[in-house]
Amino acid sequence: MRKSEAEKPLGGTFLEEVIAESKVDIRGCYQCRKCSAGCPVVSAMDIIPNQVIRQIQYGRREKVLRCGSIWICASCHTCSVRCPNDID
């Protein structure tokens, strides 16, 4: 039986840490930008939501943790509701 991507064991990369902590597999994000298009506070962000996901996928821990976007988020869940892959 073949394991799906979500069932594969995770190592120690930033991406894998985020997946393990959030219980959300952001590897499924294909950058449709619906999260950023619907975000009510995107104009105040230095890195827009879809790019935060992309930076995590690239393993750019410092860039993500230094950006202000993660603190500006309004927690309205518009991004996760609009996401075709149910990424929250």
C-alpha atoms as a PDB file:
ATOM      1  CA  MET A   1       0.000   0.000   0.000  1.00  0.00           C
ATOM      2  CA  ARG A   2       1.403   3.406  -0.998  1.00  0.00           C
ATOM      3  CA  LYS A   3       1.408   6.226   1.558  1.00  0.00           C
ATOM      4  CA  SER A   4      -0.143   9.551   0.613  1.00  0.00           C
ATOM      5  CA  GLU A   5       1.887  12.749   0.951  1.00  0.00           C
ATOM      6  CA  ALA A   6       0.171  13.563   4.260  1.00  0.00           C
ATOM      7  CA  GLU A   7       1.082  10.153   5.708  1.00  0.00           C
ATOM      8  CA  LYS A   8       4.776  10.294   4.850  1.00  0.00           C
ATOM      9  CA  PRO A   9       7.056  10.830   7.842  1.00  0.00           C
ATOM     10  CA  LEU A  10       8.260  14.376   8.311  1.00  0.00           C
ATOM     11  CA  GLY A  11      11.856  15.386   8.941  1.00  0.00           C
ATOM     12  CA  GLY A  12      13.215  18.617  10.318  1.00  0.00           C
ATOM     13  CA  THR A  13      12.694  21.287   7.639  1.00  0.00           C
ATOM     14  CA  PHE A  14      10.756  24.466   8.336  1.00  0.00           C
ATOM     15  CA  LEU A  15       7.953  23.271   6.051  1.00  0.00           C
ATOM     16  CA  GLU A  16       7.715  20.019   7.940  1.00  0.00           C
ATOM     17  CA  GLU A  17       7.735  21.807  11.297  1.00  0.00           C
ATOM     18  CA  VAL A  18       4.836  24.011  10.178  1.00  0.00           C
ATOM     19  CA  ILE A  19       2.878  20.985   8.954  1.00  0.00           C
ATOM     20  CA  ALA A  20       3.494  19.102  12.196  1.00  0.00           C
ATOM     21  CA  GLU A  21       2.510  22.032  14.425  1.00  0.00           C
ATOM     22  CA  SER A  22      -0.506  23.218  12.424  1.00  0.00           C
ATOM     23  CA  LYS A  23      -1.781  19.802  11.313  1.00  0.00           C
ATOM     24  CA  VAL A  24      -2.351  21.412   7.894  1.00  0.00           C
ATOM     25  CA  ASP A  25      -0.483  20.103   4.853  1.00  0.00           C
ATOM     26  CA  ILE A  26       0.393  23.293   3.006  1.00  0.00           C
ATOM     27  CA  ARG A  27       2.249  21.349   0.327  1.00  0.00           C
ATOM     28  CA  GLY A  28      -1.105  21.273  -1.484  1.00  0.00           C
ATOM     29  CA  CYS A  29      -1.064  25.028  -2.098  1.00  0.00           C
ATOM     30  CA  TYR A  30      -0.700  25.715  -5.824  1.00  0.00           C
ATOM     31  CA  GLN A  31      -0.737  29.494  -5.511  1.00  0.00           C
ATOM     32  CA  CYS A  32      -4.187  30.289  -6.896  1.00  0.00           C
ATOM     33  CA  ARG A  33      -4.089  33.497  -4.781  1.00  0.00           C
ATOM     34  CA  LYS A  34      -7.709  33.246  -3.642  1.00  0.00           C
ATOM     35  CA  CYS A  35      -6.547  33.680  -0.039  1.00  0.00           C
ATOM     36  CA  SER A  36      -4.804  36.946  -0.846  1.00  0.00           C
ATOM     37  CA  ALA A  37      -7.606  38.194  -3.099  1.00  0.00           C
ATOM     38  CA  GLY A  38     -10.171  37.807  -0.316  1.00  0.00           C
ATOM     39  CA  CYS A  39      -8.080  39.066   2.605  1.00  0.00           C
ATOM     40  CA  PRO A  40      -9.551  42.257   4.103  1.00  0.00           C
ATOM     41  CA  VAL A  41      -6.194  43.412   5.514  1.00  0.00           C
ATOM     42  CA  VAL A  42      -3.896  42.436   2.621  1.00  0.00           C
ATOM     43  CA  SER A  43      -3.073  46.088   1.906  1.00  0.00           C
ATOM     44  CA  ALA A  44      -1.362  46.364   5.308  1.00  0.00           C
ATOM     45  CA  MET A  45       0.739  43.206   4.873  1.00  0.00           C
ATOM     46  CA  ASP A  46       4.365  43.171   3.828  1.00  0.00           C
ATOM     47  CA  ILE A  47       4.033  39.615   2.475  1.00  0.00           C
ATOM     48  CA  ILE A  48       0.596  38.605   1.203  1.00  0.00           C
ATOM     49  CA  PRO A  49      -0.971  35.338   2.456  1.00  0.00           C
ATOM     50  CA  ASN A  50      -0.216  33.147  -0.566  1.00  0.00           C
ATOM     51  CA  GLN A  51       3.393  34.317  -0.478  1.00  0.00           C
ATOM     52  CA  VAL A  52       3.681  33.472   3.222  1.00  0.00           C
ATOM     53  CA  ILE A  53       2.684  29.921   2.279  1.00  0.00           C
ATOM     54  CA  ARG A  54       5.190  29.919  -0.593  1.00  0.00           C
ATOM     55  CA  GLN A  55       7.997  31.177   1.650  1.00  0.00           C
ATOM     56  CA  ILE A  56       7.249  28.346   4.091  1.00  0.00           C
ATOM     57  CA  GLN A  57       7.308  25.865   1.205  1.00  0.00           C
ATOM     58  CA  TYR A  58      10.745  27.209   0.236  1.00  0.00           C
ATOM     59  CA  GLY A  59      11.968  26.845   3.827  1.00  0.00           C
ATOM     60  CA  ARG A  60      12.576  30.551   4.424  1.00  0.00           C
ATOM     61  CA  ARG A  61      12.035  30.509   8.173  1.00  0.00           C
ATOM     62  CA  GLU A  62      13.618  33.872   8.993  1.00  0.00           C
ATOM     63  CA  LYS A  63      11.756  35.746   6.268  1.00  0.00           C
ATOM     64  CA  VAL A  64       8.410  34.350   7.449  1.00  0.00           C
ATOM     65  CA  LEU A  65       9.061  34.893  11.140  1.00  0.00           C
ATOM     66  CA  ARG A  66      10.297  38.460  10.545  1.00  0.00           C
ATOM     67  CA  CYS A  67       7.359  39.523   8.377  1.00  0.00           C
ATOM     68  CA  GLY A  68       4.578  41.586   9.892  1.00  0.00           C
ATOM     69  CA  SER A  69       1.829  39.773   8.025  1.00  0.00           C
ATOM     70  CA  ILE A  70       1.513  37.004  10.571  1.00  0.00           C
ATOM     71  CA  TRP A  71       0.687  39.621  13.231  1.00  0.00           C
ATOM     72  CA  ILE A  72      -1.672  41.677  11.035  1.00  0.00           C
ATOM     73  CA  CYS A  73      -3.964  38.748  10.190  1.00  0.00           C
ATOM     74  CA  ALA A  74      -7.552  39.524  11.239  1.00  0.00           C
ATOM     75  CA  SER A  75      -8.341  35.826  11.870  1.00  0.00           C
ATOM     76  CA  CYS A  76     -11.497  36.160   9.771  1.00  0.00           C
ATOM     77  CA  HIS A  77     -10.864  32.810   8.005  1.00  0.00           C
ATOM     78  CA  THR A  78     -11.698  34.252   4.584  1.00  0.00           C
ATOM     79  CA  CYS A  79      -8.494  32.707   3.250  1.00  0.00           C
ATOM     80  CA  SER A  80      -9.340  29.193   4.404  1.00  0.00           C
ATOM     81  CA  VAL A  81     -12.954  29.446   3.235  1.00  0.00           C
ATOM     82  CA  ARG A  82     -11.842  30.506  -0.247  1.00  0.00           C
ATOM     83  CA  CYS A  83      -9.058  27.941  -0.539  1.00  0.00           C
ATOM     84  CA  PRO A  84      -9.879  25.159  -3.040  1.00  0.00           C
ATOM     85  CA  ASN A  85      -7.515  22.821  -1.128  1.00  0.00           C
ATOM     86  CA  ASP A  86      -8.899  23.596   2.353  1.00  0.00           C
ATOM     87  CA  ILE A  87      -5.618  25.032   3.586  1.00  0.00           C
ATOM     88  CA  ASP A  88      -6.131  27.005   6.783  1.00  0.00           C
END
